[in-house]
């Protein structure tokens, strides 16, 4: 990952049971749509894209922009560390 000024670490939590899922290096100013596996700093899941506590699916595996990504299902997660609009 290239060094950029607008990269920050955010925490991604399950919206249902409030369990920490990822610590992630987010780039850009937009909302969270996808997570690139190479930018995940801490992964608290078993890699199956479901919450380890309540077993709710929060993302789907998809090829986006020529590489693998975890496409976030909106409403299944919330984040901390992103600026408010």
N, C-alpha and C. Protein backbone atom coordinates (compact mmCIF):
# COMPACT_ATOMS: atom_id res chain seq x y z
N UNK A 1 0.85 -1.17 0.00
CA UNK A 1 0.00 0.00 0.00
C UNK A 1 0.89 1.23 0.00
N UNK A 2 0.61 2.13 -0.90
CA UNK A 2 1.39 3.36 -1.01
C UNK A 2 1.06 4.30 0.15
N UNK A 3 2.04 5.07 0.56
CA UNK A 3 1.81 6.05 1.63
C UNK A 3 0.99 7.19 1.07
N UNK A 4 -0.18 7.42 1.68
CA UNK A 4 -1.05 8.51 1.27
C UNK A 4 -1.44 9.29 2.49
N UNK A 5 -1.76 10.56 2.28
CA UNK A 5 -2.13 11.43 3.38
C UNK A 5 -3.51 11.12 3.95
N UNK A 6 -4.43 10.68 3.08
CA UNK A 6 -5.81 10.49 3.50
C UNK A 6 -6.14 9.07 3.97
N UNK A 7 -5.14 8.28 4.32
CA UNK A 7 -5.36 6.93 4.83
C UNK A 7 -5.43 6.99 6.35
N UNK A 8 -6.46 6.40 6.92
CA UNK A 8 -6.61 6.37 8.37
C UNK A 8 -7.10 4.98 8.77
N UNK A 9 -6.92 4.62 10.02
CA UNK A 9 -7.37 3.33 10.52
C UNK A 9 -8.74 3.51 11.14
N UNK A 10 -9.69 2.68 10.68
CA UNK A 10 -11.04 2.72 11.24
C UNK A 10 -11.34 1.36 11.86
N UNK A 11 -12.31 1.33 12.76
CA UNK A 11 -12.78 0.09 13.36
C UNK A 11 -14.15 -0.23 12.77
N UNK A 12 -14.37 -1.48 12.40
CA UNK A 12 -15.63 -1.92 11.81
C UNK A 12 -16.27 -2.91 12.78
N UNK A 13 -17.51 -2.61 13.18
CA UNK A 13 -18.23 -3.40 14.17
C UNK A 13 -19.50 -4.00 13.57
N UNK A 14 -19.97 -5.11 14.12
CA UNK A 14 -21.25 -5.72 13.76
C UNK A 14 -22.37 -4.82 14.30
N UNK A 15 -23.35 -4.51 13.47
CA UNK A 15 -24.45 -3.64 13.89
C UNK A 15 -25.41 -4.37 14.83
N UNK A 16 -25.46 -5.69 14.77
CA UNK A 16 -26.41 -6.45 15.58
C UNK A 16 -25.92 -6.66 17.01
N UNK A 17 -24.67 -7.12 17.16
CA UNK A 17 -24.18 -7.47 18.51
C UNK A 17 -23.00 -6.61 18.95
N UNK A 18 -22.57 -5.64 18.13
CA UNK A 18 -21.52 -4.67 18.46
C UNK A 18 -20.13 -5.29 18.66
N UNK A 19 -19.86 -6.42 18.02
CA UNK A 19 -18.56 -7.08 18.09
C UNK A 19 -17.59 -6.47 17.09
N UNK A 20 -16.34 -6.26 17.49
CA UNK A 20 -15.31 -5.74 16.59
C UNK A 20 -15.00 -6.80 15.53
N UNK A 21 -15.10 -6.41 14.26
CA UNK A 21 -14.83 -7.32 13.16
C UNK A 21 -13.46 -7.08 12.55
N UNK A 22 -13.17 -5.83 12.18
CA UNK A 22 -11.92 -5.47 11.52
C UNK A 22 -11.38 -4.17 12.09
N UNK A 23 -10.05 -4.03 11.99
CA UNK A 23 -9.37 -2.75 11.99
C UNK A 23 -8.85 -2.63 10.57
N UNK A 24 -9.14 -1.50 9.91
CA UNK A 24 -8.96 -1.40 8.48
C UNK A 24 -8.35 -0.05 8.10
N UNK A 25 -7.40 -0.05 7.16
CA UNK A 25 -6.81 1.19 6.62
C UNK A 25 -7.73 1.70 5.52
N UNK A 26 -8.52 2.72 5.84
CA UNK A 26 -9.48 3.30 4.89
C UNK A 26 -8.81 4.44 4.15
N UNK A 27 -8.94 4.44 2.85
CA UNK A 27 -8.44 5.53 2.01
C UNK A 27 -9.60 6.32 1.44
N UNK A 28 -9.39 7.57 1.18
CA UNK A 28 -10.43 8.40 0.59
C UNK A 28 -11.40 8.95 1.62
N UNK A 29 -12.38 9.73 1.10
CA UNK A 29 -13.30 10.42 1.99
C UNK A 29 -14.71 9.83 1.95
N UNK A 30 -14.97 8.88 1.07
CA UNK A 30 -16.31 8.33 0.90
C UNK A 30 -16.69 7.35 1.99
N UNK A 31 -17.89 6.83 1.88
CA UNK A 31 -18.38 5.84 2.82
C UNK A 31 -17.73 4.48 2.61
N UNK A 32 -17.99 3.58 3.53
CA UNK A 32 -17.40 2.24 3.45
C UNK A 32 -18.27 1.37 2.55
N UNK A 33 -17.75 1.01 1.39
CA UNK A 33 -18.46 0.18 0.43
C UNK A 33 -17.82 -1.19 0.34
N UNK A 34 -16.49 -1.21 0.35
CA UNK A 34 -15.76 -2.47 0.23
C UNK A 34 -14.51 -2.43 1.09
N UNK A 35 -14.01 -3.59 1.44
CA UNK A 35 -12.75 -3.72 2.16
C UNK A 35 -11.82 -4.58 1.32
N UNK A 36 -10.64 -4.07 1.06
CA UNK A 36 -9.61 -4.84 0.36
C UNK A 36 -8.90 -5.71 1.40
N UNK A 37 -8.74 -7.01 1.16
CA UNK A 37 -8.09 -7.89 2.15
C UNK A 37 -6.68 -7.47 2.53
N UNK A 38 -5.93 -6.85 1.62
CA UNK A 38 -4.55 -6.45 1.94
C UNK A 38 -4.50 -5.22 2.83
N UNK A 39 -5.61 -4.50 3.03
CA UNK A 39 -5.64 -3.34 3.91
C UNK A 39 -6.18 -3.64 5.29
N UNK A 40 -6.61 -4.88 5.54
CA UNK A 40 -7.11 -5.25 6.87
C UNK A 40 -5.93 -5.39 7.81
N UNK A 41 -5.94 -4.61 8.90
CA UNK A 41 -4.84 -4.63 9.86
C UNK A 41 -5.06 -5.74 10.88
N UNK A 42 -6.26 -5.81 11.46
CA UNK A 42 -6.63 -6.85 12.42
C UNK A 42 -7.93 -7.48 11.97
N UNK A 43 -7.95 -8.80 11.84
CA UNK A 43 -9.16 -9.52 11.44
C UNK A 43 -9.62 -10.37 12.62
N UNK A 44 -10.78 -10.03 13.18
CA UNK A 44 -11.32 -10.77 14.32
C UNK A 44 -12.37 -11.79 13.91
N UNK A 45 -12.52 -12.03 12.60
CA UNK A 45 -13.44 -13.04 12.09
C UNK A 45 -12.63 -14.28 11.73
N UNK A 46 -13.32 -15.33 11.34
CA UNK A 46 -12.61 -16.53 10.89
C UNK A 46 -12.36 -16.50 9.39
N UNK A 47 -12.59 -15.36 8.75
CA UNK A 47 -12.36 -15.23 7.32
C UNK A 47 -13.56 -15.64 6.49
N UNK A 48 -14.69 -15.96 7.11
CA UNK A 48 -15.87 -16.40 6.38
C UNK A 48 -16.89 -15.28 6.17
N UNK A 49 -16.52 -14.03 6.48
CA UNK A 49 -17.36 -12.85 6.28
C UNK A 49 -18.65 -12.89 7.08
N UNK A 50 -18.61 -13.54 8.25
CA UNK A 50 -19.72 -13.52 9.18
C UNK A 50 -19.20 -13.10 10.55
N UNK A 51 -20.09 -12.54 11.36
CA UNK A 51 -19.72 -12.13 12.71
C UNK A 51 -19.41 -13.37 13.55
N UNK A 52 -18.32 -13.36 14.30
CA UNK A 52 -17.99 -14.54 15.10
C UNK A 52 -18.94 -14.77 16.27
N UNK A 53 -19.66 -13.75 16.70
CA UNK A 53 -20.55 -13.89 17.86
C UNK A 53 -21.98 -14.26 17.46
N UNK A 54 -22.60 -13.47 16.54
CA UNK A 54 -24.00 -13.72 16.19
C UNK A 54 -24.17 -14.44 14.85
N UNK A 55 -23.09 -14.70 14.13
CA UNK A 55 -23.07 -15.43 12.87
C UNK A 55 -23.83 -14.75 11.74
N UNK A 56 -24.03 -13.43 11.84
CA UNK A 56 -24.69 -12.68 10.78
C UNK A 56 -23.69 -12.36 9.67
N UNK A 57 -24.08 -12.57 8.42
CA UNK A 57 -23.21 -12.23 7.28
C UNK A 57 -23.17 -10.71 7.15
N UNK A 58 -21.97 -10.15 7.06
CA UNK A 58 -21.82 -8.69 6.94
C UNK A 58 -21.21 -8.27 5.62
N UNK A 59 -20.71 -9.21 4.81
CA UNK A 59 -20.08 -8.89 3.53
C UNK A 59 -20.14 -10.10 2.62
N UNK A 60 -19.87 -9.83 1.33
CA UNK A 60 -19.79 -10.88 0.32
C UNK A 60 -18.45 -10.74 -0.40
N UNK A 61 -17.87 -11.88 -0.80
CA UNK A 61 -16.62 -11.84 -1.56
C UNK A 61 -16.95 -11.51 -3.00
N UNK A 62 -16.18 -10.57 -3.58
CA UNK A 62 -16.44 -10.14 -4.95
C UNK A 62 -15.16 -9.60 -5.55
N UNK A 63 -14.98 -9.82 -6.84
CA UNK A 63 -13.86 -9.21 -7.56
C UNK A 63 -14.30 -7.81 -7.98
N UNK A 64 -13.58 -6.79 -7.51
CA UNK A 64 -13.92 -5.40 -7.82
C UNK A 64 -12.67 -4.67 -8.24
N UNK A 65 -12.71 -4.04 -9.37
CA UNK A 65 -11.57 -3.25 -9.85
C UNK A 65 -10.35 -4.09 -10.13
N UNK A 66 -10.53 -5.32 -10.55
CA UNK A 66 -9.41 -6.18 -10.90
C UNK A 66 -8.76 -6.89 -9.72
N UNK A 67 -9.36 -6.81 -8.53
CA UNK A 67 -8.80 -7.48 -7.37
C UNK A 67 -9.88 -7.96 -6.42
N UNK A 68 -9.52 -8.81 -5.48
CA UNK A 68 -10.51 -9.32 -4.53
C UNK A 68 -10.93 -8.24 -3.53
N UNK A 69 -12.19 -8.29 -3.11
CA UNK A 69 -12.71 -7.33 -2.14
C UNK A 69 -13.83 -7.98 -1.34
N UNK A 70 -14.05 -7.44 -0.15
CA UNK A 70 -15.20 -7.83 0.66
C UNK A 70 -16.23 -6.73 0.49
N UNK A 71 -17.31 -7.00 -0.24
CA UNK A 71 -18.38 -6.03 -0.49
C UNK A 71 -19.25 -5.98 0.74
N UNK A 72 -19.29 -4.84 1.41
CA UNK A 72 -20.02 -4.67 2.67
C UNK A 72 -21.52 -4.60 2.38
N UNK A 73 -22.30 -5.35 3.16
CA UNK A 73 -23.76 -5.27 3.10
C UNK A 73 -24.17 -4.11 3.99
N UNK A 74 -24.71 -3.06 3.38
CA UNK A 74 -25.05 -1.84 4.12
C UNK A 74 -26.09 -2.13 5.20
N UNK A 75 -25.86 -1.55 6.37
CA UNK A 75 -26.75 -1.74 7.50
C UNK A 75 -26.33 -2.86 8.42
N UNK A 76 -25.39 -3.69 8.01
CA UNK A 76 -24.92 -4.81 8.82
C UNK A 76 -23.72 -4.44 9.68
N UNK A 77 -23.05 -3.32 9.37
CA UNK A 77 -21.88 -2.88 10.13
C UNK A 77 -22.00 -1.40 10.43
N UNK A 78 -21.25 -0.96 11.44
CA UNK A 78 -21.04 0.47 11.67
C UNK A 78 -19.57 0.67 11.94
N UNK A 79 -19.12 1.91 11.76
CA UNK A 79 -17.70 2.21 11.85
C UNK A 79 -17.43 3.27 12.89
N UNK A 80 -16.21 3.26 13.39
CA UNK A 80 -15.70 4.33 14.25
C UNK A 80 -14.37 4.76 13.66
N UNK A 81 -14.14 6.07 13.65
CA UNK A 81 -12.89 6.60 13.13
C UNK A 81 -13.06 7.31 11.80
N UNK A 82 -14.30 7.34 11.27
CA UNK A 82 -14.56 8.06 10.03
C UNK A 82 -15.23 9.39 10.37
N UNK A 83 -14.91 10.44 9.61
CA UNK A 83 -15.54 11.74 9.90
C UNK A 83 -17.02 11.71 9.58
N UNK A 84 -17.80 12.48 10.33
CA UNK A 84 -19.24 12.59 10.09
C UNK A 84 -19.49 13.55 8.96
N UNK A 85 -20.60 13.36 8.29
CA UNK A 85 -20.97 14.25 7.17
C UNK A 85 -21.69 15.47 7.67
